[in-house]
N, C-alpha and C. Protein backbone atom coordinates (compact mmCIF):
# COMPACT_ATOMS: atom_id res chain seq x y z
N MET A 1 0.82 -1.20 0.00
CA MET A 1 0.00 0.00 0.00
C MET A 1 0.87 1.26 0.00
N GLN A 2 1.98 1.19 0.72
CA GLN A 2 2.85 2.36 0.79
C GLN A 2 3.37 2.74 -0.58
N SER A 3 3.76 1.74 -1.39
CA SER A 3 4.30 2.04 -2.72
C SER A 3 3.24 2.66 -3.62
N VAL A 4 1.98 2.23 -3.46
CA VAL A 4 0.89 2.81 -4.24
C VAL A 4 0.72 4.28 -3.88
N ARG A 5 0.74 4.59 -2.57
CA ARG A 5 0.62 5.98 -2.13
C ARG A 5 1.79 6.81 -2.61
N ASP A 6 2.99 6.21 -2.60
CA ASP A 6 4.17 6.94 -3.06
C ASP A 6 4.05 7.28 -4.54
N ARG A 7 3.56 6.32 -5.34
CA ARG A 7 3.39 6.58 -6.77
C ARG A 7 2.36 7.67 -7.01
N ARG A 8 1.27 7.62 -6.23
CA ARG A 8 0.24 8.65 -6.37
C ARG A 8 0.79 10.03 -6.00
N ALA A 9 1.58 10.07 -4.90
CA ALA A 9 2.17 11.34 -4.47
C ALA A 9 3.13 11.86 -5.52
N SER A 10 3.90 10.94 -6.13
CA SER A 10 4.85 11.35 -7.16
C SER A 10 4.14 11.91 -8.37
N ARG A 11 3.03 11.26 -8.77
CA ARG A 11 2.27 11.75 -9.92
C ARG A 11 1.68 13.13 -9.62
N TRP A 12 1.21 13.33 -8.38
CA TRP A 12 0.64 14.62 -8.01
C TRP A 12 1.71 15.70 -8.01
N ASP A 13 2.92 15.34 -7.53
CA ASP A 13 4.03 16.30 -7.55
C ASP A 13 4.37 16.69 -8.99
N ASP A 14 4.39 15.70 -9.87
CA ASP A 14 4.68 15.99 -11.29
C ASP A 14 3.61 16.91 -11.88
N HIS A 15 2.36 16.63 -11.52
CA HIS A 15 1.26 17.47 -12.02
C HIS A 15 1.41 18.91 -11.54
N ARG A 16 1.75 19.08 -10.27
CA ARG A 16 1.91 20.44 -9.72
C ARG A 16 3.06 21.18 -10.40
N ARG A 17 4.18 20.47 -10.63
CA ARG A 17 5.31 21.11 -11.30
C ARG A 17 4.93 21.52 -12.72
N THR A 18 4.22 20.62 -13.41
CA THR A 18 3.79 20.93 -14.77
C THR A 18 2.84 22.12 -14.78
N ARG A 19 1.90 22.13 -13.84
CA ARG A 19 0.92 23.22 -13.80
C ARG A 19 1.57 24.55 -13.45
N ARG A 20 2.53 24.53 -12.52
CA ARG A 20 3.24 25.76 -12.17
C ARG A 20 4.02 26.29 -13.37
N ALA A 21 4.62 25.37 -14.13
CA ALA A 21 5.37 25.79 -15.32
C ALA A 21 4.41 26.41 -16.34
N GLU A 22 3.22 25.81 -16.51
CA GLU A 22 2.24 26.36 -17.45
C GLU A 22 1.76 27.74 -17.01
N LEU A 23 1.55 27.90 -15.70
CA LEU A 23 1.10 29.20 -15.19
C LEU A 23 2.21 30.25 -15.29
N THR A 24 3.44 29.82 -15.13
CA THR A 24 4.57 30.74 -15.32
C THR A 24 4.63 31.22 -16.77
N ASP A 25 4.43 30.29 -17.70
CA ASP A 25 4.38 30.66 -19.12
C ASP A 25 3.24 31.65 -19.37
N ALA A 26 2.08 31.38 -18.74
CA ALA A 26 0.94 32.28 -18.90
C ALA A 26 1.24 33.65 -18.32
N ALA A 27 1.95 33.69 -17.20
CA ALA A 27 2.31 34.97 -16.58
C ALA A 27 3.21 35.77 -17.50
N ILE A 28 4.19 35.11 -18.13
CA ILE A 28 5.10 35.80 -19.05
C ILE A 28 4.32 36.33 -20.25
N ALA A 29 3.38 35.53 -20.76
CA ALA A 29 2.54 35.99 -21.88
C ALA A 29 1.71 37.20 -21.46
N ALA A 30 1.18 37.18 -20.23
CA ALA A 30 0.38 38.30 -19.73
C ALA A 30 1.23 39.55 -19.54
N ILE A 31 2.46 39.38 -19.09
CA ILE A 31 3.36 40.52 -18.92
C ILE A 31 3.65 41.16 -20.28
N ARG A 32 3.89 40.32 -21.27
CA ARG A 32 4.15 40.84 -22.62
C ARG A 32 2.94 41.61 -23.15
N ALA A 33 1.74 41.13 -22.82
CA ALA A 33 0.52 41.75 -23.34
C ALA A 33 0.11 43.00 -22.56
N HIS A 34 0.30 42.98 -21.24
CA HIS A 34 -0.24 44.05 -20.38
C HIS A 34 0.83 44.90 -19.70
N GLY A 35 2.10 44.52 -19.83
CA GLY A 35 3.16 45.31 -19.21
C GLY A 35 3.57 44.79 -17.85
N ALA A 36 4.59 45.43 -17.29
CA ALA A 36 5.18 44.98 -16.04
C ALA A 36 4.23 45.08 -14.85
N GLY A 37 3.19 45.90 -14.96
CA GLY A 37 2.23 46.03 -13.87
C GLY A 37 1.10 45.02 -13.93
N VAL A 38 1.32 43.92 -14.61
CA VAL A 38 0.29 42.90 -14.80
C VAL A 38 -0.30 42.45 -13.47
N GLY A 39 -1.59 42.13 -13.49
CA GLY A 39 -2.27 41.66 -12.29
C GLY A 39 -2.57 40.17 -12.37
N MET A 40 -2.96 39.60 -11.25
CA MET A 40 -3.27 38.17 -11.22
C MET A 40 -4.48 37.84 -12.09
N ASP A 41 -5.41 38.78 -12.24
CA ASP A 41 -6.55 38.56 -13.14
C ASP A 41 -6.06 38.37 -14.58
N ASP A 42 -5.07 39.17 -14.97
CA ASP A 42 -4.51 39.06 -16.32
C ASP A 42 -3.83 37.71 -16.51
N VAL A 43 -3.11 37.26 -15.48
CA VAL A 43 -2.44 35.96 -15.55
C VAL A 43 -3.47 34.85 -15.68
N ALA A 44 -4.53 34.91 -14.88
CA ALA A 44 -5.58 33.90 -14.95
C ALA A 44 -6.23 33.87 -16.33
N ALA A 45 -6.47 35.04 -16.89
CA ALA A 45 -7.07 35.10 -18.23
C ALA A 45 -6.15 34.49 -19.28
N ALA A 46 -4.85 34.78 -19.18
CA ALA A 46 -3.89 34.22 -20.13
C ALA A 46 -3.81 32.70 -20.00
N ALA A 47 -4.01 32.20 -18.78
CA ALA A 47 -3.97 30.75 -18.54
C ALA A 47 -5.31 30.09 -18.78
N ARG A 48 -6.32 30.91 -19.09
CA ARG A 48 -7.68 30.42 -19.31
C ARG A 48 -8.19 29.64 -18.10
N THR A 49 -8.00 30.24 -16.96
CA THR A 49 -8.46 29.63 -15.71
C THR A 49 -8.92 30.74 -14.79
N SER A 50 -9.24 30.40 -13.55
CA SER A 50 -9.69 31.40 -12.59
C SER A 50 -8.52 31.87 -11.74
N LYS A 51 -8.69 33.05 -11.12
CA LYS A 51 -7.64 33.55 -10.23
C LYS A 51 -7.48 32.61 -9.04
N THR A 52 -8.58 32.01 -8.59
CA THR A 52 -8.52 31.04 -7.48
C THR A 52 -7.61 29.88 -7.84
N ALA A 53 -7.71 29.41 -9.09
CA ALA A 53 -6.86 28.30 -9.53
C ALA A 53 -5.39 28.70 -9.54
N VAL A 54 -5.11 29.96 -9.94
CA VAL A 54 -3.73 30.44 -9.92
C VAL A 54 -3.20 30.44 -8.48
N TYR A 55 -4.03 30.89 -7.55
CA TYR A 55 -3.61 30.95 -6.15
C TYR A 55 -3.41 29.58 -5.52
N ARG A 56 -3.93 28.54 -6.14
CA ARG A 56 -3.67 27.20 -5.62
C ARG A 56 -2.21 26.82 -5.82
N HIS A 57 -1.57 27.43 -6.79
CA HIS A 57 -0.17 27.10 -7.10
C HIS A 57 0.80 28.21 -6.70
N PHE A 58 0.31 29.45 -6.63
CA PHE A 58 1.13 30.59 -6.20
C PHE A 58 0.34 31.33 -5.12
N ALA A 59 0.88 31.34 -3.91
CA ALA A 59 0.14 31.93 -2.80
C ALA A 59 -0.13 33.42 -3.00
N ASP A 60 0.78 34.10 -3.70
CA ASP A 60 0.62 35.54 -3.91
C ASP A 60 1.47 35.97 -5.10
N ARG A 61 1.43 37.27 -5.40
CA ARG A 61 2.18 37.82 -6.53
C ARG A 61 3.68 37.61 -6.34
N ASN A 62 4.14 37.62 -5.09
CA ASN A 62 5.56 37.44 -4.82
C ASN A 62 6.05 36.08 -5.30
N GLN A 63 5.27 35.02 -5.04
CA GLN A 63 5.68 33.69 -5.49
C GLN A 63 5.70 33.60 -7.01
N LEU A 64 4.75 34.24 -7.64
CA LEU A 64 4.73 34.26 -9.10
C LEU A 64 5.92 35.03 -9.65
N TYR A 65 6.26 36.13 -9.00
CA TYR A 65 7.43 36.92 -9.38
C TYR A 65 8.70 36.07 -9.33
N VAL A 66 8.86 35.30 -8.26
CA VAL A 66 10.04 34.46 -8.12
C VAL A 66 10.09 33.43 -9.24
N ALA A 67 8.94 32.83 -9.57
CA ALA A 67 8.91 31.82 -10.64
C ALA A 67 9.29 32.44 -11.98
N VAL A 68 8.79 33.64 -12.27
CA VAL A 68 9.14 34.32 -13.52
C VAL A 68 10.63 34.64 -13.54
N CYS A 69 11.16 35.13 -12.42
CA CYS A 69 12.59 35.45 -12.34
C CYS A 69 13.45 34.22 -12.59
N GLU A 70 13.05 33.10 -12.01
CA GLU A 70 13.82 31.87 -12.20
C GLU A 70 13.82 31.45 -13.67
N ARG A 71 12.67 31.61 -14.34
CA ARG A 71 12.59 31.26 -15.75
C ARG A 71 13.47 32.20 -16.58
N VAL A 72 13.40 33.49 -16.31
CA VAL A 72 14.22 34.46 -17.04
C VAL A 72 15.70 34.19 -16.80
N ALA A 73 16.05 33.90 -15.55
CA ALA A 73 17.44 33.62 -15.21
C ALA A 73 17.95 32.40 -15.97
N GLU A 74 17.13 31.36 -16.03
CA GLU A 74 17.53 30.14 -16.73
C GLU A 74 17.78 30.41 -18.20
N VAL A 75 16.87 31.16 -18.83
CA VAL A 75 17.00 31.45 -20.26
C VAL A 75 18.21 32.35 -20.53
N LEU A 76 18.33 33.42 -19.75
CA LEU A 76 19.40 34.38 -19.99
C LEU A 76 20.76 33.78 -19.74
N LEU A 77 20.91 33.06 -18.64
CA LEU A 77 22.21 32.47 -18.35
C LEU A 77 22.59 31.46 -19.43
N GLY A 78 21.61 30.69 -19.91
CA GLY A 78 21.89 29.74 -20.98
C GLY A 78 22.34 30.44 -22.25
N GLN A 79 21.69 31.57 -22.58
CA GLN A 79 22.06 32.32 -23.78
C GLN A 79 23.45 32.93 -23.64
N VAL A 80 23.76 33.46 -22.47
CA VAL A 80 25.08 34.07 -22.25
C VAL A 80 26.17 33.01 -22.35
N ARG A 81 25.95 31.87 -21.71
CA ARG A 81 26.94 30.80 -21.76
C ARG A 81 27.15 30.32 -23.19
N SER A 82 26.05 30.12 -23.92
CA SER A 82 26.14 29.65 -25.30
C SER A 82 26.89 30.67 -26.17
N ALA A 83 26.58 31.95 -25.97
CA ALA A 83 27.24 33.00 -26.77
C ALA A 83 28.74 33.03 -26.49
N MET A 84 29.11 32.93 -25.22
CA MET A 84 30.53 32.96 -24.87
C MET A 84 31.26 31.73 -25.36
N ASP A 85 30.60 30.57 -25.26
CA ASP A 85 31.24 29.33 -25.73
C ASP A 85 31.45 29.35 -27.24
N GLY A 86 30.57 30.05 -27.96
CA GLY A 86 30.67 30.09 -29.41
C GLY A 86 31.61 31.16 -29.95
N ALA A 87 32.20 31.96 -29.06
CA ALA A 87 33.10 33.03 -29.49
C ALA A 87 34.55 32.63 -29.25
N ALA A 88 35.43 33.08 -30.12
CA ALA A 88 36.86 32.77 -30.01
C ALA A 88 37.62 33.98 -29.50
N GLY A 89 38.33 33.82 -28.40
CA GLY A 89 39.14 34.90 -27.85
C GLY A 89 38.39 35.69 -26.80
N PRO A 90 39.12 36.28 -25.85
CA PRO A 90 38.49 36.98 -24.73
C PRO A 90 37.66 38.19 -25.13
N ARG A 91 38.14 38.98 -26.12
CA ARG A 91 37.35 40.15 -26.51
C ARG A 91 36.04 39.73 -27.16
N ALA A 92 36.10 38.71 -28.02
CA ALA A 92 34.89 38.22 -28.67
C ALA A 92 33.92 37.63 -27.65
N LYS A 93 34.44 36.97 -26.63
CA LYS A 93 33.58 36.41 -25.60
C LYS A 93 32.90 37.53 -24.79
N THR A 94 33.66 38.58 -24.50
CA THR A 94 33.08 39.73 -23.80
C THR A 94 31.96 40.35 -24.61
N ALA A 95 32.22 40.55 -25.91
CA ALA A 95 31.22 41.14 -26.80
C ALA A 95 29.99 40.25 -26.91
N ALA A 96 30.20 38.94 -26.98
CA ALA A 96 29.09 38.00 -27.12
C ALA A 96 28.21 38.00 -25.88
N ALA A 97 28.83 38.07 -24.70
CA ALA A 97 28.06 38.08 -23.46
C ALA A 97 27.21 39.34 -23.35
N ILE A 98 27.81 40.48 -23.68
CA ILE A 98 27.08 41.76 -23.63
C ILE A 98 25.92 41.74 -24.63
N ALA A 99 26.19 41.26 -25.83
CA ALA A 99 25.15 41.23 -26.87
C ALA A 99 23.99 40.32 -26.46
N ALA A 100 24.30 39.17 -25.83
CA ALA A 100 23.24 38.25 -25.42
C ALA A 100 22.36 38.87 -24.35
N TYR A 101 22.97 39.56 -23.40
CA TYR A 101 22.22 40.23 -22.34
C TYR A 101 21.28 41.28 -22.92
N LEU A 102 21.80 42.12 -23.80
CA LEU A 102 21.00 43.19 -24.39
C LEU A 102 19.93 42.65 -25.32
N ARG A 103 20.22 41.53 -25.98
CA ARG A 103 19.25 40.94 -26.90
C ARG A 103 17.98 40.52 -26.17
N LEU A 104 18.15 39.90 -25.01
CA LEU A 104 16.98 39.48 -24.24
C LEU A 104 16.17 40.69 -23.78
N ILE A 105 16.87 41.75 -23.35
CA ILE A 105 16.18 42.95 -22.90
C ILE A 105 15.37 43.56 -24.03
N GLU A 106 15.97 43.65 -25.22
CA GLU A 106 15.26 44.24 -26.35
C GLU A 106 14.08 43.36 -26.77
N HIS A 107 14.26 42.05 -26.71
CA HIS A 107 13.21 41.14 -27.13
C HIS A 107 12.04 41.13 -26.15
N ASP A 108 12.33 41.25 -24.86
CA ASP A 108 11.30 41.16 -23.82
C ASP A 108 11.40 42.33 -22.85
N PRO A 109 11.21 43.56 -23.30
CA PRO A 109 11.40 44.70 -22.40
C PRO A 109 10.44 44.71 -21.21
N GLU A 110 9.19 44.32 -21.40
CA GLU A 110 8.24 44.33 -20.29
C GLU A 110 8.55 43.24 -19.27
N VAL A 111 8.99 42.09 -19.76
CA VAL A 111 9.39 41.02 -18.83
C VAL A 111 10.61 41.48 -18.03
N TYR A 112 11.54 42.15 -18.69
CA TYR A 112 12.72 42.65 -17.98
C TYR A 112 12.31 43.69 -16.94
N ARG A 113 11.40 44.58 -17.30
CA ARG A 113 10.93 45.58 -16.34
C ARG A 113 10.25 44.90 -15.15
N PHE A 114 9.47 43.87 -15.42
CA PHE A 114 8.81 43.13 -14.34
C PHE A 114 9.84 42.53 -13.39
N VAL A 115 10.90 41.96 -13.96
CA VAL A 115 11.93 41.32 -13.15
C VAL A 115 12.70 42.33 -12.32
N VAL A 116 13.14 43.44 -12.93
CA VAL A 116 13.98 44.39 -12.21
C VAL A 116 13.17 45.27 -11.26
N HIS A 117 11.83 45.30 -11.42
CA HIS A 117 11.00 46.07 -10.50
C HIS A 117 11.14 45.55 -9.08
N ARG A 118 11.27 44.24 -8.94
CA ARG A 118 11.52 43.59 -7.66
C ARG A 118 10.55 44.02 -6.56
N PRO A 119 9.34 43.46 -6.54
CA PRO A 119 8.50 43.65 -5.36
C PRO A 119 9.16 42.94 -4.19
N LEU A 120 8.60 43.09 -3.01
CA LEU A 120 9.19 42.44 -1.84
C LEU A 120 9.27 40.94 -2.09
N ALA A 121 10.47 40.42 -2.06
CA ALA A 121 10.67 39.00 -2.34
C ALA A 121 11.67 38.43 -1.36
N ASP A 122 11.70 37.10 -1.30
CA ASP A 122 12.60 36.44 -0.36
C ASP A 122 14.06 36.61 -0.76
N ALA A 123 14.30 36.83 -2.04
CA ALA A 123 15.68 36.97 -2.51
C ALA A 123 15.70 37.87 -3.73
N ASP A 124 16.82 38.53 -3.92
CA ASP A 124 17.01 39.36 -5.10
C ASP A 124 17.55 38.47 -6.21
N LEU A 125 16.65 37.88 -6.99
CA LEU A 125 17.05 36.92 -8.00
C LEU A 125 17.79 37.59 -9.15
N VAL A 126 17.49 38.86 -9.39
CA VAL A 126 18.21 39.58 -10.43
C VAL A 126 19.69 39.70 -10.04
N ALA A 127 19.94 40.04 -8.79
CA ALA A 127 21.32 40.14 -8.31
C ALA A 127 22.00 38.77 -8.39
N ASP A 128 21.27 37.71 -8.06
CA ASP A 128 21.83 36.37 -8.16
C ASP A 128 22.21 36.05 -9.60
N LEU A 129 21.33 36.41 -10.54
CA LEU A 129 21.59 36.16 -11.95
C LEU A 129 22.81 36.93 -12.42
N VAL A 130 22.88 38.21 -12.06
CA VAL A 130 24.02 39.04 -12.45
C VAL A 130 25.31 38.46 -11.86
N SER A 131 25.24 37.93 -10.65
CA SER A 131 26.42 37.31 -10.04
C SER A 131 26.87 36.09 -10.83
N LEU A 132 25.91 35.29 -11.30
CA LEU A 132 26.26 34.11 -12.09
C LEU A 132 26.94 34.51 -13.40
N ILE A 133 26.40 35.53 -14.05
CA ILE A 133 27.01 36.00 -15.30
C ILE A 133 28.39 36.58 -15.00
N GLY A 134 28.50 37.31 -13.88
CA GLY A 134 29.80 37.85 -13.47
C GLY A 134 30.83 36.75 -13.28
N ASP A 135 30.40 35.62 -12.72
CA ASP A 135 31.30 34.48 -12.54
C ASP A 135 31.79 33.96 -13.89
N GLN A 136 30.87 33.92 -14.88
CA GLN A 136 31.25 33.45 -16.21
C GLN A 136 32.31 34.36 -16.84
N VAL A 137 32.07 35.67 -16.75
CA VAL A 137 33.02 36.63 -17.32
C VAL A 137 34.35 36.57 -16.56
N ALA A 138 34.28 36.45 -15.24
CA ALA A 138 35.51 36.35 -14.44
C ALA A 138 36.33 35.13 -14.83
N GLU A 139 35.65 34.06 -15.17
CA GLU A 139 36.37 32.84 -15.58
C GLU A 139 37.16 33.09 -16.87
N VAL A 140 36.54 33.81 -17.82
CA VAL A 140 37.24 34.12 -19.07
C VAL A 140 38.44 35.02 -18.80
N ILE A 141 38.25 36.04 -17.96
CA ILE A 141 39.35 36.95 -17.63
C ILE A 141 40.47 36.19 -16.92
N GLY A 142 40.08 35.30 -16.00
CA GLY A 142 41.07 34.51 -15.28
C GLY A 142 41.90 33.64 -16.20
N GLU A 143 41.25 33.05 -17.21
CA GLU A 143 41.98 32.23 -18.19
C GLU A 143 42.99 33.07 -18.95
N GLN A 144 42.59 34.30 -19.30
CA GLN A 144 43.49 35.20 -20.03
C GLN A 144 44.69 35.59 -19.17
N LEU A 145 44.44 35.88 -17.91
CA LEU A 145 45.53 36.25 -17.01
C LEU A 145 46.48 35.08 -16.79
N THR A 146 45.92 33.89 -16.61
CA THR A 146 46.75 32.71 -16.40
C THR A 146 47.62 32.42 -17.63
N ALA A 147 47.00 32.57 -18.81
CA ALA A 147 47.76 32.35 -20.05
C ALA A 147 48.91 33.34 -20.19
N ALA A 148 48.74 34.53 -19.61
CA ALA A 148 49.79 35.56 -19.69
C ALA A 148 50.81 35.40 -18.57
N GLY A 149 50.63 34.37 -17.73
CA GLY A 149 51.54 34.15 -16.62
C GLY A 149 51.34 35.12 -15.48
N ALA A 150 50.14 35.70 -15.38
CA ALA A 150 49.83 36.69 -14.35
C ALA A 150 48.93 36.09 -13.28
N ASP A 151 48.83 36.80 -12.18
CA ASP A 151 47.97 36.38 -11.07
C ASP A 151 46.50 36.52 -11.50
N PRO A 152 45.71 35.43 -11.46
CA PRO A 152 44.31 35.51 -11.90
C PRO A 152 43.36 36.07 -10.84
N ALA A 153 43.88 36.41 -9.65
CA ALA A 153 43.02 36.88 -8.56
C ALA A 153 42.15 38.08 -8.95
N PRO A 154 42.66 39.07 -9.71
CA PRO A 154 41.81 40.23 -10.05
C PRO A 154 40.64 39.89 -10.97
N ALA A 155 40.60 38.68 -11.51
CA ALA A 155 39.55 38.33 -12.47
C ALA A 155 38.16 38.47 -11.86
N VAL A 156 38.02 38.14 -10.58
CA VAL A 156 36.69 38.17 -9.96
C VAL A 156 36.14 39.59 -9.87
N PRO A 157 36.86 40.55 -9.26
CA PRO A 157 36.30 41.90 -9.23
C PRO A 157 36.18 42.53 -10.61
N TRP A 158 37.11 42.23 -11.51
CA TRP A 158 37.01 42.79 -12.85
C TRP A 158 35.79 42.24 -13.58
N GLY A 159 35.58 40.94 -13.50
CA GLY A 159 34.45 40.32 -14.17
C GLY A 159 33.12 40.85 -13.67
N HIS A 160 32.99 40.94 -12.34
CA HIS A 160 31.74 41.43 -11.77
C HIS A 160 31.59 42.93 -12.01
N GLY A 161 32.71 43.65 -12.09
CA GLY A 161 32.63 45.07 -12.39
C GLY A 161 32.10 45.32 -13.79
N VAL A 162 32.58 44.53 -14.75
CA VAL A 162 32.11 44.66 -16.13
C VAL A 162 30.61 44.37 -16.22
N VAL A 163 30.18 43.29 -15.58
CA VAL A 163 28.76 42.92 -15.64
C VAL A 163 27.89 43.96 -14.95
N GLY A 164 28.37 44.51 -13.83
CA GLY A 164 27.61 45.57 -13.16
C GLY A 164 27.47 46.80 -14.04
N MET A 165 28.52 47.13 -14.77
CA MET A 165 28.46 48.27 -15.69
C MET A 165 27.43 48.02 -16.78
N VAL A 166 27.43 46.81 -17.33
CA VAL A 166 26.50 46.48 -18.41
C VAL A 166 25.06 46.53 -17.90
N ARG A 167 24.83 45.99 -16.73
CA ARG A 167 23.47 46.01 -16.19
C ARG A 167 22.99 47.44 -15.97
N SER A 168 23.82 48.27 -15.39
CA SER A 168 23.44 49.65 -15.13
C SER A 168 23.13 50.38 -16.43
N ALA A 169 23.99 50.22 -17.43
CA ALA A 169 23.78 50.87 -18.72
C ALA A 169 22.52 50.33 -19.40
N ALA A 170 22.29 49.03 -19.27
CA ALA A 170 21.11 48.42 -19.89
C ALA A 170 19.83 48.91 -19.22
N ASP A 171 19.84 49.03 -17.90
CA ASP A 171 18.66 49.55 -17.19
C ASP A 171 18.33 50.97 -17.66
N ASN A 172 19.37 51.78 -17.83
CA ASN A 172 19.16 53.15 -18.29
C ASN A 172 18.65 53.16 -19.73
N TRP A 173 19.21 52.28 -20.57
CA TRP A 173 18.82 52.23 -21.98
C TRP A 173 17.37 51.80 -22.16
N ILE A 174 16.94 50.81 -21.38
CA ILE A 174 15.57 50.33 -21.54
C ILE A 174 14.58 51.39 -21.06
N ALA A 175 15.00 52.23 -20.12
CA ALA A 175 14.13 53.30 -19.64
C ALA A 175 14.19 54.54 -20.52
N ARG A 176 15.40 54.81 -21.07
CA ARG A 176 15.60 56.01 -21.91
C ARG A 176 16.50 55.66 -23.09
N PRO A 177 15.94 55.00 -24.10
CA PRO A 177 16.77 54.54 -25.22
C PRO A 177 17.44 55.65 -26.03
N ALA A 178 16.84 56.84 -26.08
CA ALA A 178 17.44 58.01 -26.74
C ALA A 178 17.89 57.72 -28.17
N GLY A 179 17.14 56.89 -28.87
CA GLY A 179 17.44 56.63 -30.28
C GLY A 179 18.62 55.71 -30.52
N MET A 180 19.19 55.11 -29.48
CA MET A 180 20.34 54.23 -29.65
C MET A 180 19.88 52.79 -29.85
N SER A 181 20.42 52.13 -30.87
CA SER A 181 20.05 50.75 -31.13
C SER A 181 20.77 49.80 -30.18
N ARG A 182 20.26 48.57 -30.11
CA ARG A 182 20.93 47.57 -29.27
C ARG A 182 22.35 47.32 -29.76
N GLU A 183 22.53 47.25 -31.08
CA GLU A 183 23.86 46.99 -31.62
C GLU A 183 24.84 48.11 -31.26
N GLN A 184 24.37 49.35 -31.34
CA GLN A 184 25.23 50.48 -30.97
C GLN A 184 25.61 50.43 -29.50
N LEU A 185 24.62 50.16 -28.65
CA LEU A 185 24.91 50.07 -27.22
C LEU A 185 25.89 48.95 -26.94
N ALA A 186 25.69 47.81 -27.57
CA ALA A 186 26.60 46.68 -27.37
C ALA A 186 28.02 47.04 -27.79
N ASP A 187 28.15 47.73 -28.92
CA ASP A 187 29.49 48.14 -29.39
C ASP A 187 30.14 49.10 -28.40
N HIS A 188 29.37 50.08 -27.91
CA HIS A 188 29.91 51.06 -26.97
C HIS A 188 30.37 50.38 -25.67
N LEU A 189 29.54 49.49 -25.15
CA LEU A 189 29.87 48.82 -23.89
C LEU A 189 31.05 47.87 -24.07
N THR A 190 31.10 47.19 -25.21
CA THR A 190 32.23 46.30 -25.46
C THR A 190 33.53 47.10 -25.57
N ALA A 191 33.48 48.24 -26.26
CA ALA A 191 34.67 49.08 -26.40
C ALA A 191 35.17 49.56 -25.04
N LEU A 192 34.23 50.00 -24.19
CA LEU A 192 34.62 50.49 -22.87
C LEU A 192 35.15 49.36 -22.00
N ALA A 193 34.43 48.25 -21.99
CA ALA A 193 34.85 47.12 -21.16
C ALA A 193 36.21 46.59 -21.60
N TRP A 194 36.39 46.43 -22.92
CA TRP A 194 37.64 45.84 -23.39
C TRP A 194 38.81 46.80 -23.27
N ALA A 195 38.55 48.11 -23.40
CA ALA A 195 39.63 49.09 -23.20
C ALA A 195 40.18 48.97 -21.79
N GLY A 196 39.29 48.80 -20.83
CA GLY A 196 39.75 48.64 -19.45
C GLY A 196 40.43 47.31 -19.22
N LEU A 197 39.80 46.24 -19.69
CA LEU A 197 40.35 44.91 -19.43
C LEU A 197 41.68 44.70 -20.15
N SER A 198 41.75 45.11 -21.42
CA SER A 198 43.00 44.91 -22.15
C SER A 198 44.11 45.75 -21.55
N GLY A 199 43.74 46.92 -21.02
CA GLY A 199 44.74 47.78 -20.39
C GLY A 199 45.33 47.16 -19.13
N VAL A 200 44.46 46.62 -18.26
CA VAL A 200 44.97 46.07 -17.01
C VAL A 200 45.66 44.74 -17.24
N VAL A 201 45.15 43.95 -18.21
CA VAL A 201 45.82 42.69 -18.51
C VAL A 201 47.20 42.96 -19.10
N GLY A 202 47.28 43.96 -20.00
CA GLY A 202 48.57 44.30 -20.58
C GLY A 202 49.56 44.79 -19.55
N ARG A 203 49.07 45.62 -18.59
CA ARG A 203 49.95 46.13 -17.55
C ARG A 203 50.42 44.99 -16.64
N THR A 204 49.52 44.04 -16.38
CA THR A 204 49.89 42.90 -15.53
C THR A 204 50.96 42.06 -16.20
N GLU A 205 50.83 41.91 -17.53
CA GLU A 205 51.85 41.16 -18.26
C GLU A 205 53.20 41.82 -18.15
N GLU A 206 53.24 43.17 -18.25
CA GLU A 206 54.50 43.90 -18.17
C GLU A 206 55.12 43.76 -16.78
N GLU A 207 54.24 43.77 -15.75
CA GLU A 207 54.76 43.71 -14.39
C GLU A 207 55.34 42.35 -14.07
N THR A 208 54.84 41.30 -14.77
CA THR A 208 55.32 39.95 -14.47
C THR A 208 56.45 39.52 -15.41
N SER A 209 56.77 40.36 -16.39
CA SER A 209 57.81 39.96 -17.37
C SER A 209 59.20 40.32 -16.85
């Protein structure tokens, strides 16, 4: 009897996970249609269900916010990693990471606004995501420093500094684009980031030679 109950519990858990994923998809669709200020009624309508049914899976807007953030984080981090893996050389990897970040923002501006708005939540998932991307960039910088025979320790603050700069510039751009295209912004940020990184890496090489 215990194994039967366990199987039933497992099937119910699978159903709940599937339903939460479907409602998260509906929430993202509602955000795209109605903007970052979307309400639970809009989410229910997009899911073709009742608000009561939504609340069975998400206790409040905060839980739904966390689920959307997790989905955005998963997609963005995957795109950044793929872009960096497909680029040859540290400058190209830096440019690819910046372009991937900006591409998602341009493609889903309302979803991005919803995520960065950050209502009261248990954790700042945007900061967690930026930290993960910072780790990826730091790894590339560290590899470059190691290849040059230099101390890779500065890679962590440099990597996170570059990502923080990109996020700040991207937040400003999405709020006040001022006629600048995504490609132009990506080029400007890559030029600034690489001017700094190539300068400090070059100086480190000279100091260790």
